[in-house]
């Protein structure tokens, strides 16, 4: 499972399982990446629910 984070300055992709890790990023500062990761953690339940709703198998 993974999540894409878009920002006017760039984007990042985080792998969510088995643990939250940064997969790729372009154009974002380390501070922006840390904030994006924090937001992924805060919204982990919503992200997981949306993933399973979109990919039911």
PDB file of N, CA and C in Angstrom:
ATOM      1  N   UNK A   1       0.850  -1.154   0.000  1.00  0.00           N
ATOM      2  CA  UNK A   1       0.000   0.000   0.000  1.00  0.00           C
ATOM      3  C   UNK A   1       0.907   1.230   0.000  1.00  0.00           C
ATOM      4  N   UNK A   2       0.515   2.254  -0.758  1.00  0.00           N
ATOM      5  CA  UNK A   2       1.285   3.485  -0.794  1.00  0.00           C
ATOM      6  C   UNK A   2       0.342   4.670  -0.969  1.00  0.00           C
ATOM      7  N   UNK A   3       0.881   5.863  -0.754  1.00  0.00           N
ATOM      8  CA  UNK A   3       0.098   7.082  -0.901  1.00  0.00           C
ATOM      9  C   UNK A   3       0.979   8.134  -1.575  1.00  0.00           C
ATOM     10  N   UNK A   4       0.372   8.889  -2.492  1.00  0.00           N
ATOM     11  CA  UNK A   4       1.051   9.985  -3.169  1.00  0.00           C
ATOM     12  C   UNK A   4       0.659  11.294  -2.494  1.00  0.00           C
ATOM     13  N   UNK A   5       1.626  12.160  -2.312  1.00  0.00           N
ATOM     14  CA  UNK A   5       1.396  13.472  -1.707  1.00  0.00           C
ATOM     15  C   UNK A   5       1.832  14.514  -2.726  1.00  0.00           C
ATOM     16  N   UNK A   6       0.911  15.397  -3.104  1.00  0.00           N
ATOM     17  CA  UNK A   6       1.219  16.446  -4.073  1.00  0.00           C
ATOM     18  C   UNK A   6       1.262  17.799  -3.396  1.00  0.00           C
ATOM     19  N   UNK A   7       2.170  18.630  -3.848  1.00  0.00           N
ATOM     20  CA  UNK A   7       2.384  19.967  -3.304  1.00  0.00           C
ATOM     21  C   UNK A   7       2.769  20.860  -4.485  1.00  0.00           C
ATOM     22  N   UNK A   8       2.483  22.147  -4.432  1.00  0.00           N
ATOM     23  CA  UNK A   8       2.883  23.016  -5.551  1.00  0.00           C
ATOM     24  C   UNK A   8       4.384  22.943  -5.885  1.00  0.00           C
ATOM     25  N   UNK A   9       5.213  22.629  -4.895  1.00  0.00           N
ATOM     26  CA  UNK A   9       6.660  22.559  -5.121  1.00  0.00           C
ATOM     27  C   UNK A   9       7.130  21.207  -5.647  1.00  0.00           C
ATOM     28  N   UNK A  10       6.324  20.164  -5.497  1.00  0.00           N
ATOM     29  CA  UNK A  10       6.743  18.834  -5.921  1.00  0.00           C
ATOM     30  C   UNK A  10       5.811  17.767  -5.406  1.00  0.00           C
ATOM     31  N   UNK A  11       6.339  16.576  -5.259  1.00  0.00           N
ATOM     32  CA  UNK A  11       5.514  15.452  -4.809  1.00  0.00           C
ATOM     33  C   UNK A  11       6.366  14.418  -4.103  1.00  0.00           C
ATOM     34  N   UNK A  12       5.676  13.530  -3.395  1.00  0.00           N
ATOM     35  CA  UNK A  12       6.336  12.428  -2.696  1.00  0.00           C
ATOM     36  C   UNK A  12       5.426  11.208  -2.734  1.00  0.00           C
ATOM     37  N   UNK A  13       6.043  10.063  -2.618  1.00  0.00           N
ATOM     38  CA  UNK A  13       5.312   8.797  -2.532  1.00  0.00           C
ATOM     39  C   UNK A  13       5.819   8.088  -1.282  1.00  0.00           C
ATOM     40  N   UNK A  14       4.880   7.701  -0.421  1.00  0.00           N
ATOM     41  CA  UNK A  14       5.211   6.981   0.802  1.00  0.00           C
ATOM     42  C   UNK A  14       4.660   5.571   0.720  1.00  0.00           C
ATOM     43  N   UNK A  15       5.487   4.593   1.053  1.00  0.00           N
ATOM     44  CA  UNK A  15       4.986   3.231   1.256  1.00  0.00           C
ATOM     45  C   UNK A  15       4.407   3.202   2.663  1.00  0.00           C
ATOM     46  N   UNK A  16       3.234   2.630   2.788  1.00  0.00           N
ATOM     47  CA  UNK A  16       2.539   2.621   4.079  1.00  0.00           C
ATOM     48  C   UNK A  16       2.768   1.306   4.814  1.00  0.00           C
ATOM     49  N   UNK A  17       2.788   0.209   4.091  1.00  0.00           N
ATOM     50  CA  UNK A  17       2.978  -1.104   4.703  1.00  0.00           C
ATOM     51  C   UNK A  17       4.205  -1.775   4.121  1.00  0.00           C
ATOM     52  N   UNK A  18       4.970  -2.502   4.872  1.00  0.00           N
ATOM     53  CA  UNK A  18       4.757  -2.911   6.252  1.00  0.00           C
ATOM     54  C   UNK A  18       5.045  -1.805   7.265  1.00  0.00           C
ATOM     55  N   UNK A  19       5.796  -0.759   6.840  1.00  0.00           N
ATOM     56  CA  UNK A  19       5.996   0.387   7.716  1.00  0.00           C
ATOM     57  C   UNK A  19       6.071   1.634   6.846  1.00  0.00           C
ATOM     58  N   UNK A  20       5.800   2.774   7.413  1.00  0.00           N
ATOM     59  CA  UNK A  20       5.793   4.024   6.669  1.00  0.00           C
ATOM     60  C   UNK A  20       7.212   4.422   6.291  1.00  0.00           C
ATOM     61  N   UNK A  21       7.480   4.472   4.973  1.00  0.00           N
ATOM     62  CA  UNK A  21       8.788   4.875   4.475  1.00  0.00           C
ATOM     63  C   UNK A  21       8.609   5.754   3.244  1.00  0.00           C
ATOM     64  N   UNK A  22       9.541   6.645   3.032  1.00  0.00           N
ATOM     65  CA  UNK A  22       9.537   7.485   1.841  1.00  0.00           C
ATOM     66  C   UNK A  22      10.058   6.658   0.678  1.00  0.00           C
ATOM     67  N   UNK A  23       9.265   6.549  -0.376  1.00  0.00           N
ATOM     68  CA  UNK A  23       9.679   5.787  -1.558  1.00  0.00           C
ATOM     69  C   UNK A  23      10.393   6.708  -2.547  1.00  0.00           C
ATOM     70  N   UNK A  24       9.776   7.852  -2.871  1.00  0.00           N
ATOM     71  CA  UNK A  24      10.367   8.811  -3.801  1.00  0.00           C
ATOM     72  C   UNK A  24       9.903  10.213  -3.435  1.00  0.00           C
ATOM     73  N   UNK A  25      10.679  11.186  -3.877  1.00  0.00           N
ATOM     74  CA  UNK A  25      10.246  12.577  -3.742  1.00  0.00           C
ATOM     75  C   UNK A  25      10.976  13.416  -4.772  1.00  0.00           C
ATOM     76  N   UNK A  26      10.290  14.440  -5.256  1.00  0.00           N
ATOM     77  CA  UNK A  26      10.897  15.384  -6.189  1.00  0.00           C
ATOM     78  C   UNK A  26      10.421  16.781  -5.839  1.00  0.00           C
ATOM     79  N   UNK A  27      11.365  17.699  -5.755  1.00  0.00           N
ATOM     80  CA  UNK A  27      11.040  19.101  -5.570  1.00  0.00           C
ATOM     81  C   UNK A  27      10.697  19.546  -4.162  1.00  0.00           C
ATOM     82  N   UNK A  28      10.632  18.638  -3.207  1.00  0.00           N
ATOM     83  CA  UNK A  28      10.243  19.000  -1.846  1.00  0.00           C
ATOM     84  C   UNK A  28      11.465  19.096  -0.941  1.00  0.00           C
ATOM     85  N   UNK A  29      11.430  20.058  -0.039  1.00  0.00           N
ATOM     86  CA  UNK A  29      12.491  20.192   0.954  1.00  0.00           C
ATOM     87  C   UNK A  29      12.331  19.112   2.014  1.00  0.00           C
ATOM     88  N   UNK A  30      13.367  18.900   2.802  1.00  0.00           N
ATOM     89  CA  UNK A  30      13.268  17.897   3.865  1.00  0.00           C
ATOM     90  C   UNK A  30      12.180  18.286   4.865  1.00  0.00           C
ATOM     91  N   UNK A  31      11.999  19.566   5.105  1.00  0.00           N
ATOM     92  CA  UNK A  31      10.929  20.013   6.013  1.00  0.00           C
ATOM     93  C   UNK A  31       9.552  19.689   5.422  1.00  0.00           C
ATOM     94  N   UNK A  32       9.369  19.893   4.130  1.00  0.00           N
ATOM     95  CA  UNK A  32       8.094  19.574   3.490  1.00  0.00           C
ATOM     96  C   UNK A  32       7.833  18.071   3.516  1.00  0.00           C
ATOM     97  N   UNK A  33       8.866  17.281   3.341  1.00  0.00           N
ATOM     98  CA  UNK A  33       8.710  15.821   3.396  1.00  0.00           C
ATOM     99  C   UNK A  33       8.315  15.392   4.800  1.00  0.00           C
ATOM    100  N   UNK A  34       8.945  15.967   5.804  1.00  0.00           N
ATOM    101  CA  UNK A  34       8.590  15.634   7.189  1.00  0.00           C
ATOM    102  C   UNK A  34       7.145  15.999   7.488  1.00  0.00           C
ATOM    103  N   UNK A  35       6.691  17.148   7.005  1.00  0.00           N
ATOM    104  CA  UNK A  35       5.300  17.558   7.229  1.00  0.00           C
ATOM    105  C   UNK A  35       4.347  16.623   6.495  1.00  0.00           C
ATOM    106  N   UNK A  36       4.698  16.242   5.272  1.00  0.00           N
ATOM    107  CA  UNK A  36       3.868  15.299   4.525  1.00  0.00           C
ATOM    108  C   UNK A  36       3.774  13.971   5.256  1.00  0.00           C
ATOM    109  N   UNK A  37       4.891  13.496   5.767  1.00  0.00           N
ATOM    110  CA  UNK A  37       4.894  12.227   6.502  1.00  0.00           C
ATOM    111  C   UNK A  37       4.031  12.339   7.764  1.00  0.00           C
ATOM    112  N   UNK A  38       4.115  13.471   8.440  1.00  0.00           N
ATOM    113  CA  UNK A  38       3.293  13.683   9.633  1.00  0.00           C
ATOM    114  C   UNK A  38       1.806  13.619   9.271  1.00  0.00           C
ATOM    115  N   UNK A  39       1.444  14.228   8.143  1.00  0.00           N
ATOM    116  CA  UNK A  39       0.043  14.220   7.714  1.00  0.00           C
ATOM    117  C   UNK A  39      -0.415  12.811   7.327  1.00  0.00           C
ATOM    118  N   UNK A  40       0.464  12.034   6.718  1.00  0.00           N
ATOM    119  CA  UNK A  40       0.121  10.647   6.393  1.00  0.00           C
ATOM    120  C   UNK A  40      -0.167   9.886   7.682  1.00  0.00           C
ATOM    121  N   UNK A  41       0.660  10.074   8.700  1.00  0.00           N
ATOM    122  CA  UNK A  41       0.447   9.395   9.981  1.00  0.00           C
ATOM    123  C   UNK A  41      -0.897   9.818  10.586  1.00  0.00           C
ATOM    124  N   UNK A  42      -1.173  11.113  10.570  1.00  0.00           N
ATOM    125  CA  UNK A  42      -2.423  11.626  11.151  1.00  0.00           C
ATOM    126  C   UNK A  42      -3.638  11.032  10.441  1.00  0.00           C
ATOM    127  N   UNK A  43      -3.526  10.834   9.130  1.00  0.00           N
ATOM    128  CA  UNK A  43      -4.674  10.377   8.340  1.00  0.00           C
ATOM    129  C   UNK A  43      -4.582   8.908   7.930  1.00  0.00           C
ATOM    130  N   UNK A  44      -3.754   8.142   8.625  1.00  0.00           N
ATOM    131  CA  UNK A  44      -3.509   6.749   8.265  1.00  0.00           C
ATOM    132  C   UNK A  44      -4.797   5.920   8.181  1.00  0.00           C
ATOM    133  N   UNK A  45      -5.703   6.105   9.122  1.00  0.00           N
ATOM    134  CA  UNK A  45      -6.946   5.330   9.103  1.00  0.00           C
ATOM    135  C   UNK A  45      -7.764   5.652   7.847  1.00  0.00           C
ATOM    136  N   UNK A  46      -7.869   6.919   7.500  1.00  0.00           N
ATOM    137  CA  UNK A  46      -8.601   7.319   6.292  1.00  0.00           C
ATOM    138  C   UNK A  46      -7.933   6.770   5.034  1.00  0.00           C
ATOM    139  N   UNK A  47      -6.617   6.831   4.991  1.00  0.00           N
ATOM    140  CA  UNK A  47      -5.864   6.340   3.837  1.00  0.00           C
ATOM    141  C   UNK A  47      -6.085   4.845   3.668  1.00  0.00           C
ATOM    142  N   UNK A  48      -5.990   4.105   4.763  1.00  0.00           N
ATOM    143  CA  UNK A  48      -6.182   2.659   4.713  1.00  0.00           C
ATOM    144  C   UNK A  48      -7.594   2.308   4.266  1.00  0.00           C
ATOM    145  N   UNK A  49      -8.586   3.006   4.803  1.00  0.00           N
ATOM    146  CA  UNK A  49      -9.977   2.765   4.416  1.00  0.00           C
ATOM    147  C   UNK A  49     -10.183   3.048   2.925  1.00  0.00           C
ATOM    148  N   UNK A  50      -9.664   4.170   2.441  1.00  0.00           N
ATOM    149  CA  UNK A  50      -9.816   4.524   1.031  1.00  0.00           C
ATOM    150  C   UNK A  50      -9.124   3.514   0.123  1.00  0.00           C
ATOM    151  N   UNK A  51      -7.952   3.035   0.542  1.00  0.00           N
ATOM    152  CA  UNK A  51      -7.221   2.052  -0.246  1.00  0.00           C
ATOM    153  C   UNK A  51      -8.056   0.776  -0.391  1.00  0.00           C
ATOM    154  N   UNK A  52      -8.584   0.287   0.730  1.00  0.00           N
ATOM    155  CA  UNK A  52      -9.356  -0.955   0.684  1.00  0.00           C
ATOM    156  C   UNK A  52     -10.682  -0.769  -0.048  1.00  0.00           C
ATOM    157  N   UNK A  53     -11.247   0.415  -0.019  1.00  0.00           N
ATOM    158  CA  UNK A  53     -12.477   0.677  -0.782  1.00  0.00           C
ATOM    159  C   UNK A  53     -12.169   0.684  -2.281  1.00  0.00           C
ATOM    160  N   UNK A  54     -11.012   1.195  -2.651  1.00  0.00           N
ATOM    161  CA  UNK A  54     -10.634   1.270  -4.064  1.00  0.00           C
ATOM    162  C   UNK A  54     -10.096  -0.058  -4.596  1.00  0.00           C
ATOM    163  N   UNK A  55      -9.396  -0.799  -3.731  1.00  0.00           N
ATOM    164  CA  UNK A  55      -8.819  -2.094  -4.101  1.00  0.00           C
ATOM    165  C   UNK A  55      -9.357  -3.149  -3.142  1.00  0.00           C
ATOM    166  N   UNK A  56     -10.601  -3.616  -3.350  1.00  0.00           N
ATOM    167  CA  UNK A  56     -11.244  -4.504  -2.375  1.00  0.00           C
ATOM    168  C   UNK A  56     -10.605  -5.884  -2.223  1.00  0.00           C
ATOM    169  N   UNK A  57      -9.798  -6.326  -3.156  1.00  0.00           N
ATOM    170  CA  UNK A  57      -9.240  -7.688  -3.052  1.00  0.00           C
ATOM    171  C   UNK A  57      -8.051  -7.714  -2.222  1.00  0.00           C
TER     172      UNK A  57
END
